[in-house]
Amino acid sequence: MKFNIFPPEALKSIEPKFHVEPRAIAKTIERELQKKPLAGLYTLDGSARELPVSLLDIAQGLLVMKPEIKPEGGLTSLVGGQRLVVLCGDTGKMQFLANNLKLTEDGNLTCPLPTDLILIQRRKEFRTLGPGDEDLSFVLCLGAGQELLTKVIDISDHGILLDIRLGATEVEVGRYWHSGYFERLKSRSTTIDLVIKNVRPGAAMDRIRAGCELYEPNRMVLKEFESTRSAIENARVQGRLNRWYLGASWHE
């Protein structure tokens, strides 16, 4: 069985703004529990393979998790230990420490609710969903003349979420993509530099999504990026999304 699970972010790379307020931690987790999401349990030192678990419930202050496979050494090897829980949901990548793991009679794992919860990739600006236009791509330049077409999932004035074929290129937090551009048929935007801020699963098992921010954008990049976002949003509001490109400054 294949699981769509992604590793934790390095703690040194996590910005303070991604820490959820303590009073909101329980509610933030509860919202995700409605979907019975799949998460991964990771050792703190990365010495063992991740354990896929389904998050089931919060009961008496404990988070209940159902293991999807048996780990090496059995479930009893986890009792009393610590693991990092990583969950990729609609709001971003959630990560927290599971302390004092216990095993229930029905084979589930429990841990106290965390006191620190990290939710990565919450852009400040308003996000606009992509137009669903098959002719629109964001083209990544990979070097040596290689290019990769990606799908635009959403866009803000300074950030973009790209959907990429799994394995087509290396996708990791902190990686830079230089000289990319929007492309629709014969029209191209100016070149755009991005830095990956978040990685999460795609809608399909063979896809991956990268949340990116503009890297040192000049005025032209900012203008065309904002023009693209506003063109899509305005066309959606006006009920003419299939002609969104008419409002993008770079589209001929």
C-alpha atoms as a PDB file:
ATOM      1  CA  MET A   1       0.000   0.000   0.000  1.00  0.00           C
ATOM      2  CA  LYS A   2       1.332   3.434  -0.934  1.00  0.00           C
ATOM      3  CA  PHE A   3       0.849   6.387   1.425  1.00  0.00           C
ATOM      4  CA  ASN A   4       0.954  10.068   0.538  1.00  0.00           C
ATOM      5  CA  ILE A   5       3.067  11.262   3.463  1.00  0.00           C
ATOM      6  CA  PHE A   6       5.709  13.960   3.550  1.00  0.00           C
ATOM      7  CA  PRO A   7       8.595  14.440   5.988  1.00  0.00           C
ATOM      8  CA  PRO A   8       8.769  17.133   8.686  1.00  0.00           C
ATOM      9  CA  GLU A   9      10.372  20.493   8.087  1.00  0.00           C
ATOM     10  CA  ALA A  10      13.737  21.177   9.705  1.00  0.00           C
ATOM     11  CA  LEU A  11      13.007  23.128  12.883  1.00  0.00           C
ATOM     12  CA  LYS A  12      15.661  25.747  12.112  1.00  0.00           C
ATOM     13  CA  SER A  13      13.831  26.678   8.886  1.00  0.00           C
ATOM     14  CA  ILE A  14      10.409  27.311  10.484  1.00  0.00           C
ATOM     15  CA  GLU A  15       9.444  30.946  10.924  1.00  0.00           C
ATOM     16  CA  PRO A  16       7.882  32.061  14.246  1.00  0.00           C
ATOM     17  CA  LYS A  17       4.689  33.160  12.446  1.00  0.00           C
ATOM     18  CA  PHE A  18       3.890  29.512  11.648  1.00  0.00           C
ATOM     19  CA  HIS A  19       3.331  28.619  15.312  1.00  0.00           C
ATOM     20  CA  VAL A  20      -0.405  28.413  16.096  1.00  0.00           C
ATOM     21  CA  GLU A  21      -1.597  30.301  19.192  1.00  0.00           C
ATOM     22  CA  PRO A  22      -1.855  27.829  22.093  1.00  0.00           C
ATOM     23  CA  ARG A  23      -5.568  28.537  22.651  1.00  0.00           C
ATOM     24  CA  ALA A  24      -6.310  27.657  19.021  1.00  0.00           C
ATOM     25  CA  ILE A  25      -4.388  24.361  18.860  1.00  0.00           C
ATOM     26  CA  ALA A  26      -7.307  22.061  19.769  1.00  0.00           C
ATOM     27  CA  LYS A  27      -9.702  23.724  17.309  1.00  0.00           C
ATOM     28  CA  THR A  28      -7.106  23.642  14.530  1.00  0.00           C
ATOM     29  CA  ILE A  29      -6.635  19.888  14.938  1.00  0.00           C
ATOM     30  CA  GLU A  30     -10.388  19.250  15.291  1.00  0.00           C
ATOM     31  CA  ARG A  31     -11.056  20.870  11.902  1.00  0.00           C
ATOM     32  CA  GLU A  32      -8.727  18.376  10.258  1.00  0.00           C
ATOM     33  CA  LEU A  33     -10.220  15.401  12.116  1.00  0.00           C
ATOM     34  CA  GLN A  34     -13.497  15.749  10.205  1.00  0.00           C
ATOM     35  CA  LYS A  35     -11.709  14.285   7.178  1.00  0.00           C
ATOM     36  CA  LYS A  36     -10.039  11.396   9.089  1.00  0.00           C
ATOM     37  CA  PRO A  37      -6.718  12.484   7.551  1.00  0.00           C
ATOM     38  CA  LEU A  38      -3.633  10.363   7.030  1.00  0.00           C
ATOM     39  CA  ALA A  39      -0.511  11.546   8.838  1.00  0.00           C
ATOM     40  CA  GLY A  40       2.999  10.260   9.467  1.00  0.00           C
ATOM     41  CA  LEU A  41       4.781   9.521  12.737  1.00  0.00           C
ATOM     42  CA  TYR A  42       8.507  10.262  12.511  1.00  0.00           C
ATOM     43  CA  THR A  43      11.342   9.564  14.918  1.00  0.00           C
ATOM     44  CA  LEU A  44      13.051  12.719  16.154  1.00  0.00           C
ATOM     45  CA  ASP A  45      16.417  11.673  14.763  1.00  0.00           C
ATOM     46  CA  GLY A  46      15.084  10.214  11.501  1.00  0.00           C
ATOM     47  CA  SER A  47      16.515   6.800  12.375  1.00  0.00           C
ATOM     48  CA  ALA A  48      13.392   4.808  11.503  1.00  0.00           C
ATOM     49  CA  ARG A  49      10.884   4.781   8.672  1.00  0.00           C
ATOM     50  CA  GLU A  50       7.726   6.832   9.156  1.00  0.00           C
ATOM     51  CA  LEU A  51       4.587   5.135  10.468  1.00  0.00           C
ATOM     52  CA  PRO A  52       1.377   6.085   8.603  1.00  0.00           C
ATOM     53  CA  VAL A  53      -1.549   6.752  10.942  1.00  0.00           C
ATOM     54  CA  SER A  54      -5.116   8.001  10.526  1.00  0.00           C
ATOM     55  CA  LEU A  55      -6.130  10.733  12.976  1.00  0.00           C
ATOM     56  CA  LEU A  56      -9.482   9.644  14.390  1.00  0.00           C
ATOM     57  CA  ASP A  57     -10.618  11.705  17.356  1.00  0.00           C
ATOM     58  CA  ILE A  58      -9.873  13.828  20.405  1.00  0.00           C
ATOM     59  CA  ALA A  59     -11.113  12.057  23.521  1.00  0.00           C
ATOM     60  CA  GLN A  60     -10.580  13.275  27.086  1.00  0.00           C
ATOM     61  CA  GLY A  61      -7.739  15.522  26.018  1.00  0.00           C
ATOM     62  CA  LEU A  62      -6.003  12.775  24.042  1.00  0.00           C
ATOM     63  CA  LEU A  63      -5.462  12.551  20.299  1.00  0.00           C
ATOM     64  CA  VAL A  64      -6.441   9.116  18.975  1.00  0.00           C
ATOM     65  CA  MET A  65      -4.515   7.691  16.000  1.00  0.00           C
ATOM     66  CA  LYS A  66      -5.007   4.441  14.090  1.00  0.00           C
ATOM     67  CA  PRO A  67      -1.784   2.841  12.764  1.00  0.00           C
ATOM     68  CA  GLU A  68      -2.155   1.762   9.127  1.00  0.00           C
ATOM     69  CA  ILE A  69       0.737  -0.717   9.232  1.00  0.00           C
ATOM     70  CA  LYS A  70       2.718  -2.453  11.954  1.00  0.00           C
ATOM     71  CA  PRO A  71       6.119  -0.877  12.576  1.00  0.00           C
ATOM     72  CA  GLU A  72       9.297  -2.851  13.042  1.00  0.00           C
ATOM     73  CA  GLY A  73       9.387  -3.971  16.651  1.00  0.00           C
ATOM     74  CA  GLY A  74       5.591  -3.816  16.926  1.00  0.00           C
ATOM     75  CA  LEU A  75       3.358  -1.108  18.330  1.00  0.00           C
ATOM     76  CA  THR A  76       4.538  -1.726  21.892  1.00  0.00           C
ATOM     77  CA  SER A  77       7.934  -0.339  20.870  1.00  0.00           C
ATOM     78  CA  LEU A  78       6.299   3.101  20.583  1.00  0.00           C
ATOM     79  CA  VAL A  79       4.780   3.142  24.084  1.00  0.00           C
ATOM     80  CA  GLY A  80       6.126   5.928  26.275  1.00  0.00           C
ATOM     81  CA  GLY A  81       8.124   7.448  23.438  1.00  0.00           C
ATOM     82  CA  GLN A  82       8.026  10.603  21.325  1.00  0.00           C
ATOM     83  CA  ARG A  83       7.311  11.059  17.636  1.00  0.00           C
ATOM     84  CA  LEU A  84       6.809  13.979  15.264  1.00  0.00           C
ATOM     85  CA  VAL A  85       3.334  14.004  13.700  1.00  0.00           C
ATOM     86  CA  VAL A  86       3.192  15.472  10.188  1.00  0.00           C
ATOM     87  CA  LEU A  87      -0.080  16.075   8.349  1.00  0.00           C
ATOM     88  CA  CYS A  88      -0.608  17.754   4.980  1.00  0.00           C
ATOM     89  CA  GLY A  89      -4.105  19.226   4.747  1.00  0.00           C
ATOM     90  CA  ASP A  90      -5.989  21.970   2.947  1.00  0.00           C
ATOM     91  CA  THR A  91      -4.573  24.664   5.247  1.00  0.00           C
ATOM     92  CA  GLY A  92      -0.947  23.615   4.823  1.00  0.00           C
ATOM     93  CA  LYS A  93       1.530  21.282   6.508  1.00  0.00           C
ATOM     94  CA  MET A  94       0.778  20.630  10.174  1.00  0.00           C
ATOM     95  CA  GLN A  95       3.533  19.410  12.484  1.00  0.00           C
ATOM     96  CA  PHE A  96       3.687  18.754  16.238  1.00  0.00           C
ATOM     97  CA  LEU A  97       5.361  16.581  18.860  1.00  0.00           C
ATOM     98  CA  ALA A  98       3.474  13.524  20.176  1.00  0.00           C
ATOM     99  CA  ASN A  99       4.651  12.815  23.725  1.00  0.00           C
ATOM    100  CA  ASN A 100       4.020   9.827  25.976  1.00  0.00           C
ATOM    101  CA  LEU A 101       2.482   7.605  23.324  1.00  0.00           C
ATOM    102  CA  LYS A 102       0.168   4.899  24.649  1.00  0.00           C
ATOM    103  CA  LEU A 103      -1.483   1.855  23.111  1.00  0.00           C
ATOM    104  CA  THR A 104      -5.210   1.257  23.594  1.00  0.00           C
ATOM    105  CA  GLU A 105      -6.945  -2.110  23.817  1.00  0.00           C
ATOM    106  CA  ASP A 106      -8.275  -1.792  20.275  1.00  0.00           C
ATOM    107  CA  GLY A 107      -4.811  -1.188  18.829  1.00  0.00           C
ATOM    108  CA  ASN A 108      -4.927   2.596  18.493  1.00  0.00           C
ATOM    109  CA  LEU A 109      -2.277   5.046  19.674  1.00  0.00           C
ATOM    110  CA  THR A 110      -2.985   8.054  21.872  1.00  0.00           C
ATOM    111  CA  CYS A 111      -1.000  11.075  22.994  1.00  0.00           C
ATOM    112  CA  PRO A 112      -1.840  14.296  24.857  1.00  0.00           C
ATOM    113  CA  LEU A 113      -2.792  17.281  22.722  1.00  0.00           C
ATOM    114  CA  PRO A 114       0.372  19.207  21.810  1.00  0.00           C
ATOM    115  CA  THR A 115       1.326  22.458  23.478  1.00  0.00           C
ATOM    116  CA  ASP A 116       3.067  23.657  20.311  1.00  0.00           C
ATOM    117  CA  LEU A 117       1.587  23.284  16.827  1.00  0.00           C
ATOM    118  CA  ILE A 118       3.233  24.412  13.606  1.00  0.00           C
ATOM    119  CA  LEU A 119       1.102  25.171  10.550  1.00  0.00           C
ATOM    120  CA  ILE A 120       3.311  26.001   7.584  1.00  0.00           C
ATOM    121  CA  GLN A 121       2.491  28.043   4.473  1.00  0.00           C
ATOM    122  CA  ARG A 122      -0.255  30.429   5.485  1.00  0.00           C
ATOM    123  CA  ARG A 123       0.208  33.258   3.015  1.00  0.00           C
ATOM    124  CA  LYS A 124      -0.696  36.739   4.213  1.00  0.00           C
ATOM    125  CA  GLU A 125      -2.228  37.799   0.929  1.00  0.00           C
ATOM    126  CA  PHE A 126      -5.586  36.714  -0.414  1.00  0.00           C
ATOM    127  CA  ARG A 127      -5.298  33.523  -2.459  1.00  0.00           C
ATOM    128  CA  THR A 128      -7.076  33.153  -5.775  1.00  0.00           C
ATOM    129  CA  LEU A 129      -7.759  29.691  -7.154  1.00  0.00           C
ATOM    130  CA  GLY A 130      -6.274  29.038 -10.579  1.00  0.00           C
ATOM    131  CA  PRO A 131      -8.629  29.406 -13.554  1.00  0.00           C
ATOM    132  CA  GLY A 132      -8.623  25.717 -14.465  1.00  0.00           C
ATOM    133  CA  ASP A 133      -7.336  26.715 -17.902  1.00  0.00           C
ATOM    134  CA  GLU A 134      -5.559  23.797 -19.592  1.00  0.00           C
ATOM    135  CA  ASP A 135      -3.642  26.276 -21.766  1.00  0.00           C
ATOM    136  CA  LEU A 136      -2.117  28.031 -18.729  1.00  0.00           C
ATOM    137  CA  SER A 137       1.167  26.749 -17.315  1.00  0.00           C
ATOM    138  CA  PHE A 138       3.906  28.020 -15.095  1.00  0.00           C
ATOM    139  CA  VAL A 139       7.110  26.902 -16.776  1.00  0.00           C
ATOM    140  CA  LEU A 140      10.084  25.982 -14.599  1.00  0.00           C
ATOM    141  CA  CYS A 141      13.539  26.316 -16.128  1.00  0.00           C
ATOM    142  CA  LEU A 142      15.648  23.450 -14.795  1.00  0.00           C
ATOM    143  CA  GLY A 143      18.914  24.301 -16.537  1.00  0.00           C
ATOM    144  CA  ALA A 144      20.709  22.879 -19.562  1.00  0.00           C
ATOM    145  CA  GLY A 145      17.761  23.914 -21.724  1.00  0.00           C
ATOM    146  CA  GLN A 146      15.291  21.749 -19.780  1.00  0.00           C
ATOM    147  CA  GLU A 147      11.847  23.101 -18.969  1.00  0.00           C
ATOM    148  CA  LEU A 148       8.968  21.675 -16.940  1.00  0.00           C
ATOM    149  CA  LEU A 149       5.313  22.670 -17.293  1.00  0.00           C
ATOM    150  CA  THR A 150       3.416  22.904 -14.005  1.00  0.00           C
ATOM    151  CA  LYS A 151      -0.201  23.670 -13.112  1.00  0.00           C
ATOM    152  CA  VAL A 152      -1.240  26.778 -11.186  1.00  0.00           C
ATOM    153  CA  ILE A 153      -3.396  25.718  -8.213  1.00  0.00           C
ATOM    154  CA  ASP A 154      -3.664  29.120  -6.555  1.00  0.00           C
ATOM    155  CA  ILE A 155      -1.909  32.469  -6.603  1.00  0.00           C
ATOM    156  CA  SER A 156      -1.532  35.514  -4.370  1.00  0.00           C
ATOM    157  CA  ASP A 157       0.306  38.782  -5.004  1.00  0.00           C
ATOM    158  CA  HIS A 158       3.598  37.293  -3.768  1.00  0.00           C
ATOM    159  CA  GLY A 159       3.107  33.528  -3.802  1.00  0.00           C
ATOM    160  CA  ILE A 160       1.953  30.616  -5.920  1.00  0.00           C
ATOM    161  CA  LEU A 161       1.033  26.954  -5.402  1.00  0.00           C
ATOM    162  CA  LEU A 162       2.253  24.725  -8.232  1.00  0.00           C
ATOM    163  CA  ASP A 163       1.191  21.173  -9.038  1.00  0.00           C
ATOM    164  CA  ILE A 164       4.050  19.064 -10.414  1.00  0.00           C
ATOM    165  CA  ARG A 165       4.455  15.520 -11.687  1.00  0.00           C
ATOM    166  CA  LEU A 166       6.093  13.494  -8.929  1.00  0.00           C
ATOM    167  CA  GLY A 167       9.727  12.739  -9.724  1.00  0.00           C
ATOM    168  CA  ALA A 168       9.963  15.236 -12.580  1.00  0.00           C
ATOM    169  CA  THR A 169      12.379  17.408 -10.603  1.00  0.00           C
ATOM    170  CA  GLU A 170      13.733  17.763  -7.092  1.00  0.00           C
ATOM    171  CA  VAL A 171      11.191  19.526  -4.869  1.00  0.00           C
ATOM    172  CA  GLU A 172      12.335  20.518  -1.383  1.00  0.00           C
ATOM    173  CA  VAL A 173      11.887  23.459   0.967  1.00  0.00           C
ATOM    174  CA  GLY A 174      14.457  26.198   0.346  1.00  0.00           C
ATOM    175  CA  ARG A 175      15.145  25.259  -3.279  1.00  0.00           C
ATOM    176  CA  TYR A 176      15.233  28.136  -5.786  1.00  0.00           C
ATOM    177  CA  TRP A 177      13.728  28.092  -9.260  1.00  0.00           C
ATOM    178  CA  HIS A 178      15.094  30.858 -11.461  1.00  0.00           C
ATOM    179  CA  SER A 179      13.780  32.339 -14.714  1.00  0.00           C
ATOM    180  CA  GLY A 180      10.375  30.637 -14.701  1.00  0.00           C
ATOM    181  CA  TYR A 181       7.395  32.238 -16.406  1.00  0.00           C
ATOM    182  CA  PHE A 182       3.659  32.075 -17.041  1.00  0.00           C
ATOM    183  CA  GLU A 183       2.786  30.724 -20.447  1.00  0.00           C
ATOM    184  CA  ARG A 184      -0.509  30.538 -22.289  1.00  0.00           C
ATOM    185  CA  LEU A 185      -0.338  29.490 -25.926  1.00  0.00           C
ATOM    186  CA  LYS A 186       2.024  32.021 -27.567  1.00  0.00           C
ATOM    187  CA  SER A 187       1.991  34.508 -24.669  1.00  0.00           C
ATOM    188  CA  ARG A 188       4.651  34.574 -21.971  1.00  0.00           C
ATOM    189  CA  SER A 189       5.220  36.661 -18.884  1.00  0.00           C
ATOM    190  CA  THR A 190       8.539  38.134 -17.848  1.00  0.00           C
ATOM    191  CA  THR A 191      10.927  35.765 -16.066  1.00  0.00           C
ATOM    192  CA  ILE A 192      10.138  35.050 -12.408  1.00  0.00           C
ATOM    193  CA  ASP A 193      12.313  33.657  -9.596  1.00  0.00           C
ATOM    194  CA  LEU A 194      10.713  31.513  -6.879  1.00  0.00           C
ATOM    195  CA  VAL A 195      11.774  29.907  -3.610  1.00  0.00           C
ATOM    196  CA  ILE A 196       9.956  26.826  -2.276  1.00  0.00           C
ATOM    197  CA  LYS A 197       8.425  27.442   1.144  1.00  0.00           C
ATOM    198  CA  ASN A 198       6.278  24.338   1.528  1.00  0.00           C
ATOM    199  CA  VAL A 199       5.863  20.895  -0.008  1.00  0.00           C
ATOM    200  CA  ARG A 200       2.657  18.871   0.187  1.00  0.00           C
ATOM    201  CA  PRO A 201       0.908  15.988  -1.597  1.00  0.00           C
ATOM    202  CA  GLY A 202      -0.939  16.560  -4.844  1.00  0.00           C
ATOM    203  CA  ALA A 203      -4.538  15.544  -5.498  1.00  0.00           C
ATOM    204  CA  ALA A 204      -3.292  12.382  -7.215  1.00  0.00           C
ATOM    205  CA  MET A 205      -0.660   9.935  -5.966  1.00  0.00           C
ATOM    206  CA  ASP A 206       1.685  10.802  -8.840  1.00  0.00           C
ATOM    207  CA  ARG A 207       1.570  14.569  -8.188  1.00  0.00           C
ATOM    208  CA  ILE A 208       3.257  16.881  -5.691  1.00  0.00           C
ATOM    209  CA  ARG A 209       2.547  20.518  -4.788  1.00  0.00           C
ATOM    210  CA  ALA A 210       5.061  23.229  -4.014  1.00  0.00           C
ATOM    211  CA  GLY A 211       4.079  26.432  -2.234  1.00  0.00           C
ATOM    212  CA  CYS A 212       6.439  29.146  -3.487  1.00  0.00           C
ATOM    213  CA  GLU A 213       7.142  32.807  -2.825  1.00  0.00           C
ATOM    214  CA  LEU A 214       8.598  35.358  -5.195  1.00  0.00           C
ATOM    215  CA  TYR A 215      12.341  35.708  -4.744  1.00  0.00           C
ATOM    216  CA  GLU A 216      13.708  39.258  -4.972  1.00  0.00           C
ATOM    217  CA  PRO A 217      11.050  40.373  -7.504  1.00  0.00           C
ATOM    218  CA  ASN A 218      11.542  43.563  -9.513  1.00  0.00           C
ATOM    219  CA  ARG A 219       8.723  45.964 -10.379  1.00  0.00           C
ATOM    220  CA  MET A 220       7.845  44.180 -13.603  1.00  0.00           C
ATOM    221  CA  VAL A 221       7.524  40.824 -11.866  1.00  0.00           C
ATOM    222  CA  LEU A 222       5.326  42.296  -9.128  1.00  0.00           C
ATOM    223  CA  LYS A 223       3.133  44.017 -11.705  1.00  0.00           C
ATOM    224  CA  GLU A 224       2.637  40.929 -13.851  1.00  0.00           C
ATOM    225  CA  PHE A 225       2.132  38.631 -10.877  1.00  0.00           C
ATOM    226  CA  GLU A 226      -0.521  40.914  -9.360  1.00  0.00           C
ATOM    227  CA  SER A 227      -2.081  41.378 -12.775  1.00  0.00           C
ATOM    228  CA  THR A 228      -2.404  37.608 -13.183  1.00  0.00           C
ATOM    229  CA  ARG A 229      -4.033  37.133  -9.783  1.00  0.00           C
ATOM    230  CA  SER A 230      -6.464  40.025 -10.172  1.00  0.00           C
ATOM    231  CA  ALA A 231      -7.348  39.018 -13.737  1.00  0.00           C
ATOM    232  CA  ILE A 232      -8.345  35.540 -12.565  1.00  0.00           C
ATOM    233  CA  GLU A 233     -10.279  36.814  -9.554  1.00  0.00           C
ATOM    234  CA  ASN A 234     -12.117  39.546 -11.479  1.00  0.00           C
ATOM    235  CA  ALA A 235     -13.074  37.142 -14.264  1.00  0.00           C
ATOM    236  CA  ARG A 236     -14.407  34.665 -11.697  1.00  0.00           C
ATOM    237  CA  VAL A 237     -16.527  37.346 -10.014  1.00  0.00           C
ATOM    238  CA  GLN A 238     -17.868  38.537 -13.380  1.00  0.00           C
ATOM    239  CA  GLY A 239     -18.743  35.014 -14.511  1.00  0.00           C
ATOM    240  CA  ARG A 240     -16.315  34.952 -17.452  1.00  0.00           C
ATOM    241  CA  LEU A 241     -13.526  32.816 -16.048  1.00  0.00           C
ATOM    242  CA  ASN A 242     -12.908  31.225 -19.452  1.00  0.00           C
ATOM    243  CA  ARG A 243     -11.649  34.623 -20.635  1.00  0.00           C
ATOM    244  CA  TRP A 244      -9.587  35.510 -17.569  1.00  0.00           C
ATOM    245  CA  TYR A 245      -6.432  36.089 -19.630  1.00  0.00           C
ATOM    246  CA  LEU A 246      -7.853  39.270 -21.175  1.00  0.00           C
ATOM    247  CA  GLY A 247      -7.026  41.071 -17.928  1.00  0.00           C
ATOM    248  CA  ALA A 248      -3.445  39.793 -17.567  1.00  0.00           C
ATOM    249  CA  SER A 249      -0.930  42.460 -18.552  1.00  0.00           C
ATOM    250  CA  TRP A 250       1.487  39.944 -20.143  1.00  0.00           C
ATOM    251  CA  HIS A 251      -1.092  38.176 -22.324  1.00  0.00           C
ATOM    252  CA  GLU A 252      -1.185  39.289 -25.954  1.00  0.00           C
END
